[in-house]
C-alpha atoms as a PDB file:
ATOM      1  CA  PRO A   1      -3.789  53.308  34.867  1.00  0.00           C
ATOM      2  CA  PRO A   2      -7.127  51.555  34.346  1.00  0.00           C
ATOM      3  CA  LEU A   3      -9.739  51.884  37.055  1.00  0.00           C
ATOM      4  CA  ALA A   4      -9.425  48.211  37.908  1.00  0.00           C
ATOM      5  CA  GLN A   5      -5.823  48.718  39.044  1.00  0.00           C
ATOM      6  CA  PRO A   6      -5.597  48.402  42.828  1.00  0.00           C
ATOM      7  CA  VAL A   7      -4.051  51.245  44.802  1.00  0.00           C
ATOM      8  CA  LEU A   8      -1.694  51.185  47.778  1.00  0.00           C
ATOM      9  CA  ARG A   9      -0.863  54.440  49.534  1.00  0.00           C
ATOM     10  CA  VAL A  10       2.003  54.672  52.006  1.00  0.00           C
ATOM     11  CA  PHE A  11       2.209  57.238  54.783  1.00  0.00           C
ATOM     12  CA  CYS A  12       4.974  58.311  57.155  1.00  0.00           C
ATOM     13  CA  ALA A  13       4.130  59.051  60.781  1.00  0.00           C
ATOM     14  CA  ALA A  14       7.086  60.694  62.502  1.00  0.00           C
ATOM     15  CA  PRO A  15       6.917  61.705  66.168  1.00  0.00           C
ATOM     16  CA  GLY A  16       5.623  65.248  66.477  1.00  0.00           C
ATOM     17  CA  GLN A  17       4.768  65.518  62.789  1.00  0.00           C
ATOM     18  CA  SER A  18       1.527  65.116  60.930  1.00  0.00           C
ATOM     19  CA  LEU A  19       0.929  62.036  58.823  1.00  0.00           C
ATOM     20  CA  ARG A  20       2.157  62.596  55.284  1.00  0.00           C
ATOM     21  CA  GLU A  21       1.847  60.528  52.171  1.00  0.00           C
ATOM     22  CA  LEU A  22       5.049  59.129  50.721  1.00  0.00           C
ATOM     23  CA  ARG A  23       5.305  59.591  46.998  1.00  0.00           C
ATOM     24  CA  THR A  24       7.949  57.686  45.069  1.00  0.00           C
ATOM     25  CA  GLY A  25      11.347  59.036  46.033  1.00  0.00           C
ATOM     26  CA  THR A  26      10.276  60.830  49.203  1.00  0.00           C
ATOM     27  CA  ALA A  27      11.891  59.925  52.498  1.00  0.00           C
ATOM     28  CA  CYS A  28      10.611  58.902  55.917  1.00  0.00           C
ATOM     29  CA  THR A  29      12.536  59.579  59.132  1.00  0.00           C
ATOM     30  CA  PRO A  30      14.368  56.722  60.903  1.00  0.00           C
ATOM     31  CA  GLY A  31      12.305  55.533  63.851  1.00  0.00           C
ATOM     32  CA  ALA A  32       9.093  56.750  62.246  1.00  0.00           C
ATOM     33  CA  THR A  33       6.147  54.497  61.494  1.00  0.00           C
ATOM     34  CA  LEU A  34       4.732  53.545  58.113  1.00  0.00           C
ATOM     35  CA  ALA A  35       0.980  53.424  57.692  1.00  0.00           C
ATOM     36  CA  PHE A  36      -0.990  52.179  54.716  1.00  0.00           C
ATOM     37  CA  ALA A  37      -4.249  52.633  52.866  1.00  0.00           C
ATOM     38  CA  ALA A  38      -5.496  50.409  50.065  1.00  0.00           C
ATOM     39  CA  GLY A  39      -8.398  50.144  47.699  1.00  0.00           C
ATOM     40  CA  ALA A  40      -9.409  48.008  44.754  1.00  0.00           C
ATOM     41  CA  ARG A  41     -12.371  47.163  42.600  1.00  0.00           C
ATOM     42  CA  PRO A  42     -13.610  43.623  42.008  1.00  0.00           C
ATOM     43  CA  PRO A  43     -12.276  41.069  41.398  1.00  0.00           C
ATOM     44  CA  TYR A  44      -9.645  42.179  43.922  1.00  0.00           C
ATOM     45  CA  THR A  45     -10.926  41.775  47.458  1.00  0.00           C
ATOM     46  CA  HIS A  46      -7.822  41.179  49.577  1.00  0.00           C
ATOM     47  CA  VAL A  47      -4.358  42.633  50.004  1.00  0.00           C
ATOM     48  CA  ALA A  48      -1.224  41.477  51.800  1.00  0.00           C
ATOM     49  CA  VAL A  49       1.764  43.719  52.475  1.00  0.00           C
ATOM     50  CA  ARG A  50       5.442  42.894  52.884  1.00  0.00           C
ATOM     51  CA  VAL A  51       7.908  45.405  54.313  1.00  0.00           C
ATOM     52  CA  ARG A  52      11.643  44.805  54.055  1.00  0.00           C
ATOM     53  CA  ALA A  53      13.916  47.221  55.892  1.00  0.00           C
ATOM     54  CA  GLY A  54      17.259  46.970  57.629  1.00  0.00           C
ATOM     55  CA  GLY A  55      17.333  43.186  57.630  1.00  0.00           C
ATOM     56  CA  HIS A  56      13.749  42.917  58.882  1.00  0.00           C
ATOM     57  CA  ASP A  57      11.234  41.215  56.646  1.00  0.00           C
ATOM     58  CA  GLU A  58       7.633  41.402  57.748  1.00  0.00           C
ATOM     59  CA  VAL A  59       4.617  39.950  55.940  1.00  0.00           C
ATOM     60  CA  ASN A  60       1.193  41.215  57.023  1.00  0.00           C
ATOM     61  CA  GLY A  61      -2.290  40.245  55.981  1.00  0.00           C
ATOM     62  CA  PRO A  62      -4.277  39.281  54.143  1.00  0.00           C
ATOM     63  CA  PHE A  63      -6.590  42.208  54.776  1.00  0.00           C
ATOM     64  CA  ALA A  64     -10.102  42.359  53.333  1.00  0.00           C
ATOM     65  CA  LEU A  65     -10.610  45.429  51.170  1.00  0.00           C
ATOM     66  CA  SER A  66     -13.728  47.485  51.616  1.00  0.00           C
ATOM     67  CA  GLY A  67     -12.721  50.536  49.596  1.00  0.00           C
ATOM     68  CA  LYS A  68     -12.765  50.996  45.862  1.00  0.00           C
ATOM     69  CA  ALA A  69      -9.888  52.399  43.876  1.00  0.00           C
ATOM     70  CA  GLY A  70     -10.029  56.116  44.548  1.00  0.00           C
ATOM     71  CA  GLU A  71     -11.641  55.402  47.920  1.00  0.00           C
ATOM     72  CA  GLU A  72      -8.733  53.864  49.758  1.00  0.00           C
ATOM     73  CA  ARG A  73      -9.294  52.858  53.355  1.00  0.00           C
ATOM     74  CA  PRO A  74      -6.637  52.577  56.046  1.00  0.00           C
ATOM     75  CA  LEU A  75      -5.273  49.106  56.702  1.00  0.00           C
ATOM     76  CA  GLU A  76      -5.019  47.860  60.278  1.00  0.00           C
ATOM     77  CA  LEU A  77      -1.258  47.922  59.880  1.00  0.00           C
ATOM     78  CA  THR A  78       1.636  50.062  61.009  1.00  0.00           C
ATOM     79  CA  VAL A  79       5.301  49.170  60.627  1.00  0.00           C
ATOM     80  CA  ALA A  80       8.056  50.880  62.602  1.00  0.00           C
ATOM     81  CA  LEU A  81      11.108  51.706  60.520  1.00  0.00           C
ATOM     82  CA  PRO A  82      14.190  50.164  62.136  1.00  0.00           C
ATOM     83  CA  THR A  83      17.015  52.558  62.813  1.00  0.00           C
ATOM     84  CA  GLY A  84      19.963  51.790  60.601  1.00  0.00           C
ATOM     85  CA  ALA A  85      17.818  51.065  57.567  1.00  0.00           C
ATOM     86  CA  ASP A  86      18.393  53.356  54.610  1.00  0.00           C
ATOM     87  CA  MET A  87      15.614  51.930  52.451  1.00  0.00           C
ATOM     88  CA  ALA A  88      12.296  50.249  53.025  1.00  0.00           C
ATOM     89  CA  GLU A  89      10.925  48.081  50.252  1.00  0.00           C
ATOM     90  CA  ILE A  90       7.163  47.679  50.272  1.00  0.00           C
ATOM     91  CA  THR A  91       5.380  45.022  48.219  1.00  0.00           C
ATOM     92  CA  ALA A  92       1.607  44.688  48.144  1.00  0.00           C
ATOM     93  CA  THR A  93      -0.293  41.843  46.502  1.00  0.00           C
ATOM     94  CA  PHE A  94      -3.978  42.071  45.586  1.00  0.00           C
ATOM     95  CA  SER A  95      -6.196  39.106  44.749  1.00  0.00           C
ATOM     96  CA  GLN A  96      -9.718  37.767  45.087  1.00  0.00           C
ATOM     97  CA  HIS A  97      -8.239  34.856  47.069  1.00  0.00           C
ATOM     98  CA  PRO A  98      -6.754  35.690  50.494  1.00  0.00           C
ATOM     99  CA  ASP A  99      -4.276  32.782  50.282  1.00  0.00           C
ATOM    100  CA  ALA A 100      -3.040  33.904  46.874  1.00  0.00           C
ATOM    101  CA  THR A 101      -1.924  37.260  48.245  1.00  0.00           C
ATOM    102  CA  LEU A 102       0.418  35.532  50.696  1.00  0.00           C
ATOM    103  CA  THR A 103       1.612  32.944  48.187  1.00  0.00           C
ATOM    104  CA  ALA A 104       2.623  35.708  45.789  1.00  0.00           C
ATOM    105  CA  LEU A 105       4.496  37.590  48.530  1.00  0.00           C
ATOM    106  CA  ARG A 106       6.426  34.453  49.419  1.00  0.00           C
ATOM    107  CA  GLY A 107       7.583  34.025  45.839  1.00  0.00           C
ATOM    108  CA  GLY A 108       4.861  31.656  44.699  1.00  0.00           C
ATOM    109  CA  GLY A 109       2.541  32.004  41.749  1.00  0.00           C
ATOM    110  CA  THR A 110       1.162  35.389  40.809  1.00  0.00           C
ATOM    111  CA  GLU A 111      -1.647  34.298  38.503  1.00  0.00           C
ATOM    112  CA  GLY A 112      -4.636  36.544  39.103  1.00  0.00           C
ATOM    113  CA  VAL A 113      -2.572  38.650  41.510  1.00  0.00           C
ATOM    114  CA  VAL A 114      -1.611  42.292  41.061  1.00  0.00           C
ATOM    115  CA  VAL A 115       1.767  43.114  42.604  1.00  0.00           C
ATOM    116  CA  LEU A 116       2.638  46.702  43.509  1.00  0.00           C
ATOM    117  CA  ARG A 117       6.056  47.784  44.757  1.00  0.00           C
ATOM    118  CA  GLN A 118       7.268  50.987  46.321  1.00  0.00           C
ATOM    119  CA  GLU A 119      10.611  51.934  47.815  1.00  0.00           C
ATOM    120  CA  VAL A 120      10.859  54.440  50.627  1.00  0.00           C
ATOM    121  CA  ARG A 121      14.118  56.119  51.479  1.00  0.00           C
ATOM    122  CA  VAL A 122      14.782  56.278  55.202  1.00  0.00           C
ATOM    123  CA  LYS A 123      16.654  59.402  56.212  1.00  0.00           C
ATOM    124  CA  ASP A 124      16.326  62.460  58.369  1.00  0.00           C
ATOM    125  CA  SER A 125      14.353  64.930  56.343  1.00  0.00           C
ATOM    126  CA  PRO A 126      15.995  68.337  55.987  1.00  0.00           C
END
């Protein structure tokens, strides 16, 4: 991907385990907490994050981005995975306009907005 492409990294924090990054297709334990890091180069200066899991739908942000792509910084955001969810769907929107990140998450216009999606399986890891 080009350097201008924003980056969202998702981490799983399970009780008694070290924080680990969730790659596509990897699972996080029910009851664990998701944590996030993001970075982008100009023109993208803000990110908002939506997490859908087990009937919960949570929109967070916008957060100002200080890191560049390749220098992701943690977001002031953790989301507990509800028990009973088998999948968490994460959507992140990046824009130079804070309001635009939220508009895009709520199904509005995405002009000038980069939308990243990641699905996390929720299951007890072997």
